[in-house]
N, C-alpha and C. Protein backbone atom coordinates (compact mmCIF):
# COMPACT_ATOMS: atom_id res chain seq x y z
N SER A 1 -41.07 -123.48 58.84
CA SER A 1 -41.34 -122.06 58.72
C SER A 1 -41.04 -121.59 57.31
N LEU A 2 -41.63 -120.49 56.92
CA LEU A 2 -41.48 -119.96 55.57
C LEU A 2 -40.03 -119.64 55.22
N PRO A 3 -39.27 -118.92 56.09
CA PRO A 3 -37.88 -118.64 55.72
C PRO A 3 -37.06 -119.90 55.47
N ARG A 4 -37.27 -120.94 56.29
CA ARG A 4 -36.53 -122.18 56.09
C ARG A 4 -36.91 -122.84 54.77
N SER A 5 -38.19 -122.85 54.44
CA SER A 5 -38.62 -123.48 53.19
C SER A 5 -38.09 -122.69 51.99
N LEU A 6 -38.01 -121.38 52.09
CA LEU A 6 -37.45 -120.58 51.00
C LEU A 6 -35.97 -120.87 50.84
N ASN A 7 -35.25 -121.01 51.95
CA ASN A 7 -33.83 -121.35 51.86
C ASN A 7 -33.63 -122.71 51.22
N ARG A 8 -34.47 -123.68 51.58
CA ARG A 8 -34.37 -125.01 50.95
C ARG A 8 -34.62 -124.90 49.46
N LEU A 9 -35.62 -124.10 49.08
CA LEU A 9 -35.92 -123.92 47.67
C LEU A 9 -34.73 -123.33 46.94
N MET A 10 -34.11 -122.33 47.51
CA MET A 10 -32.97 -121.68 46.87
C MET A 10 -31.77 -122.62 46.82
N ASP A 11 -31.53 -123.39 47.90
CA ASP A 11 -30.40 -124.30 47.93
C ASP A 11 -30.57 -125.45 46.96
N SER A 12 -31.81 -125.89 46.72
CA SER A 12 -32.04 -127.05 45.88
C SER A 12 -32.22 -126.69 44.41
N SER A 13 -32.07 -125.44 44.06
CA SER A 13 -32.36 -125.02 42.70
C SER A 13 -31.16 -125.10 41.77
N ASP A 14 -30.10 -125.80 42.17
CA ASP A 14 -28.88 -125.92 41.36
C ASP A 14 -28.37 -124.55 40.99
N ASP A 15 -28.24 -124.27 39.70
CA ASP A 15 -27.72 -122.97 39.28
C ASP A 15 -28.83 -121.98 38.97
N HIS A 16 -30.07 -122.35 39.23
CA HIS A 16 -31.19 -121.45 38.99
C HIS A 16 -31.37 -120.51 40.17
N VAL A 17 -31.57 -119.25 39.87
CA VAL A 17 -31.77 -118.26 40.92
C VAL A 17 -33.21 -117.76 40.80
N PRO A 18 -34.00 -117.86 41.86
CA PRO A 18 -35.38 -117.37 41.78
C PRO A 18 -35.42 -115.87 41.52
N LEU A 19 -36.20 -115.49 40.55
CA LEU A 19 -36.42 -114.08 40.26
C LEU A 19 -37.46 -113.52 41.24
N ALA A 20 -38.44 -114.37 41.56
CA ALA A 20 -39.49 -113.95 42.49
C ALA A 20 -40.17 -115.17 43.08
N LEU A 21 -40.65 -115.02 44.29
CA LEU A 21 -41.49 -116.02 44.93
C LEU A 21 -42.80 -115.31 45.27
N LEU A 22 -43.90 -115.78 44.70
CA LEU A 22 -45.18 -115.11 44.88
C LEU A 22 -46.15 -116.03 45.62
N ASP A 23 -46.89 -115.47 46.55
CA ASP A 23 -47.90 -116.21 47.29
C ASP A 23 -49.18 -116.20 46.47
N MET A 24 -49.54 -117.35 45.91
CA MET A 24 -50.73 -117.45 45.08
C MET A 24 -51.85 -118.21 45.82
N LYS A 25 -51.81 -118.14 47.13
CA LYS A 25 -52.82 -118.82 47.95
C LYS A 25 -54.22 -118.34 47.53
N GLY A 26 -55.13 -119.28 47.40
CA GLY A 26 -56.49 -118.93 47.02
C GLY A 26 -56.74 -119.04 45.53
N PHE A 27 -55.69 -119.27 44.75
CA PHE A 27 -55.83 -119.45 43.31
C PHE A 27 -55.50 -120.89 42.94
N ASP A 28 -56.32 -121.48 42.10
CA ASP A 28 -56.05 -122.80 41.56
C ASP A 28 -54.95 -122.64 40.50
N PRO A 29 -54.04 -123.60 40.38
CA PRO A 29 -52.99 -123.48 39.35
C PRO A 29 -53.55 -123.24 37.94
N LYS A 30 -54.75 -123.74 37.65
CA LYS A 30 -55.37 -123.52 36.34
C LYS A 30 -55.76 -122.07 36.13
N GLU A 31 -55.86 -121.31 37.21
CA GLU A 31 -56.27 -119.91 37.13
C GLU A 31 -55.08 -118.96 36.97
N VAL A 32 -53.87 -119.49 37.04
CA VAL A 32 -52.66 -118.67 36.98
C VAL A 32 -52.07 -118.73 35.58
N THR A 33 -51.72 -117.55 35.04
CA THR A 33 -51.10 -117.44 33.73
C THR A 33 -49.78 -116.71 33.86
N LEU A 34 -48.76 -117.22 33.20
CA LEU A 34 -47.45 -116.59 33.20
C LEU A 34 -47.02 -116.38 31.76
N THR A 35 -46.62 -115.16 31.42
CA THR A 35 -46.11 -114.86 30.09
C THR A 35 -44.78 -114.15 30.22
N VAL A 36 -43.92 -114.38 29.25
CA VAL A 36 -42.62 -113.71 29.19
C VAL A 36 -42.55 -113.01 27.84
N LYS A 37 -42.43 -111.67 27.89
CA LYS A 37 -42.44 -110.89 26.66
C LYS A 37 -41.78 -109.54 26.91
N ASP A 38 -41.01 -109.09 25.94
CA ASP A 38 -40.39 -107.76 26.00
C ASP A 38 -39.56 -107.55 27.27
N GLY A 39 -38.86 -108.60 27.70
CA GLY A 39 -37.98 -108.49 28.86
C GLY A 39 -38.70 -108.47 30.20
N LYS A 40 -39.97 -108.86 30.21
CA LYS A 40 -40.75 -108.85 31.45
C LYS A 40 -41.45 -110.18 31.63
N VAL A 41 -41.59 -110.57 32.90
CA VAL A 41 -42.40 -111.72 33.27
C VAL A 41 -43.69 -111.17 33.86
N LYS A 42 -44.81 -111.62 33.30
CA LYS A 42 -46.10 -111.16 33.81
C LYS A 42 -46.85 -112.36 34.37
N VAL A 43 -47.26 -112.24 35.63
CA VAL A 43 -48.03 -113.27 36.30
C VAL A 43 -49.42 -112.68 36.57
N SER A 44 -50.44 -113.41 36.14
CA SER A 44 -51.80 -112.95 36.41
C SER A 44 -52.66 -114.13 36.80
N ALA A 45 -53.69 -113.84 37.59
CA ALA A 45 -54.61 -114.87 38.03
C ALA A 45 -55.95 -114.24 38.33
N GLU A 46 -57.00 -115.01 38.08
CA GLU A 46 -58.36 -114.58 38.40
C GLU A 46 -59.10 -115.73 39.05
N HIS A 47 -59.88 -115.41 40.06
CA HIS A 47 -60.66 -116.43 40.78
C HIS A 47 -62.03 -115.86 41.11
N GLU A 48 -63.05 -116.66 40.84
CA GLU A 48 -64.41 -116.26 41.17
C GLU A 48 -65.11 -117.41 41.90
N GLU A 49 -65.79 -117.06 42.98
CA GLU A 49 -66.56 -118.04 43.76
C GLU A 49 -68.01 -117.56 43.83
N GLU A 50 -68.91 -118.51 43.75
CA GLU A 50 -70.33 -118.21 43.89
C GLU A 50 -70.86 -118.99 45.09
N GLN A 51 -71.57 -118.30 45.97
CA GLN A 51 -72.14 -118.96 47.14
C GLN A 51 -73.60 -118.59 47.25
N SER A 52 -74.40 -119.60 47.52
CA SER A 52 -75.83 -119.36 47.76
C SER A 52 -76.03 -119.06 49.24
N THR A 53 -76.79 -118.04 49.50
CA THR A 53 -77.11 -117.67 50.88
C THR A 53 -78.63 -117.60 51.01
N THR A 54 -79.10 -117.37 52.21
CA THR A 54 -80.55 -117.27 52.43
C THR A 54 -81.14 -116.06 51.72
N SER A 55 -80.31 -115.05 51.46
CA SER A 55 -80.81 -113.84 50.80
C SER A 55 -80.48 -113.80 49.30
N GLY A 56 -79.94 -114.88 48.77
CA GLY A 56 -79.61 -114.90 47.34
C GLY A 56 -78.22 -115.46 47.11
N LYS A 57 -77.58 -114.97 46.09
CA LYS A 57 -76.22 -115.43 45.77
C LYS A 57 -75.21 -114.33 46.05
N GLU A 58 -74.04 -114.76 46.51
CA GLU A 58 -72.92 -113.84 46.74
C GLU A 58 -71.77 -114.29 45.87
N TYR A 59 -71.04 -113.32 45.37
CA TYR A 59 -69.89 -113.60 44.52
C TYR A 59 -68.63 -113.02 45.14
N ASN A 60 -67.57 -113.80 45.09
CA ASN A 60 -66.27 -113.34 45.55
C ASN A 60 -65.34 -113.40 44.34
N TYR A 61 -64.73 -112.27 44.00
CA TYR A 61 -63.88 -112.19 42.83
C TYR A 61 -62.52 -111.63 43.22
N ARG A 62 -61.46 -112.33 42.83
CA ARG A 62 -60.10 -111.86 43.10
C ARG A 62 -59.31 -111.82 41.80
N LYS A 63 -58.50 -110.81 41.66
CA LYS A 63 -57.63 -110.68 40.49
C LYS A 63 -56.24 -110.27 40.97
N PHE A 64 -55.23 -110.89 40.39
CA PHE A 64 -53.84 -110.61 40.77
C PHE A 64 -53.04 -110.41 39.50
N THR A 65 -52.22 -109.37 39.45
CA THR A 65 -51.31 -109.13 38.33
C THR A 65 -50.01 -108.57 38.86
N LYS A 66 -48.91 -109.12 38.36
CA LYS A 66 -47.58 -108.63 38.75
C LYS A 66 -46.68 -108.73 37.54
N GLU A 67 -45.93 -107.66 37.28
CA GLU A 67 -44.92 -107.66 36.21
C GLU A 67 -43.55 -107.48 36.83
N ILE A 68 -42.61 -108.30 36.36
CA ILE A 68 -41.26 -108.27 36.88
C ILE A 68 -40.30 -108.13 35.71
N ASN A 69 -39.39 -107.17 35.80
CA ASN A 69 -38.38 -107.00 34.76
C ASN A 69 -37.34 -108.11 34.88
N LEU A 70 -36.98 -108.69 33.74
CA LEU A 70 -35.90 -109.68 33.76
C LEU A 70 -34.58 -108.97 33.99
N PRO A 71 -33.69 -109.56 34.78
CA PRO A 71 -32.37 -108.97 34.96
C PRO A 71 -31.61 -108.93 33.63
N GLN A 72 -30.74 -107.98 33.52
CA GLN A 72 -29.94 -107.84 32.31
C GLN A 72 -29.15 -109.13 32.08
N GLY A 73 -29.13 -109.60 30.84
CA GLY A 73 -28.38 -110.79 30.49
C GLY A 73 -29.17 -112.09 30.59
N VAL A 74 -30.41 -112.02 31.11
CA VAL A 74 -31.25 -113.21 31.20
C VAL A 74 -32.14 -113.27 29.96
N SER A 75 -32.06 -114.39 29.26
CA SER A 75 -32.86 -114.59 28.06
C SER A 75 -34.27 -114.99 28.43
N GLU A 76 -35.24 -114.55 27.66
CA GLU A 76 -36.63 -114.93 27.90
C GLU A 76 -36.81 -116.44 27.80
N ASP A 77 -36.00 -117.10 26.99
CA ASP A 77 -36.08 -118.55 26.82
C ASP A 77 -35.61 -119.31 28.07
N GLU A 78 -34.89 -118.66 28.96
CA GLU A 78 -34.36 -119.31 30.16
C GLU A 78 -35.35 -119.33 31.31
N VAL A 79 -36.43 -118.59 31.21
CA VAL A 79 -37.38 -118.45 32.31
C VAL A 79 -38.20 -119.73 32.47
N THR A 80 -38.23 -120.25 33.69
CA THR A 80 -39.08 -121.38 34.05
C THR A 80 -39.86 -121.01 35.30
N TYR A 81 -40.94 -121.73 35.53
CA TYR A 81 -41.70 -121.47 36.75
C TYR A 81 -42.35 -122.74 37.22
N SER A 82 -42.76 -122.72 38.48
CA SER A 82 -43.49 -123.85 39.05
C SER A 82 -44.47 -123.31 40.06
N LEU A 83 -45.54 -124.06 40.24
CA LEU A 83 -46.57 -123.65 41.21
C LEU A 83 -46.61 -124.66 42.33
């Protein structure tokens, strides 16, 4: 279950404390960008799908953006992430 997997993630992270856990389902890791600047972590992703149908082409477009303030005392150089 999700709560158990999150607990395992937190327990196995040594001294690292997750700032955020984001559900990026539907996005390929190559479509996700993370930047750390001015005391903020910005996560953004864009995904586009093209499908041919009997009446032509359909496009599905998704965009995700989230900004998170770094806690006081956390250096921008300390931020790591994984997908």
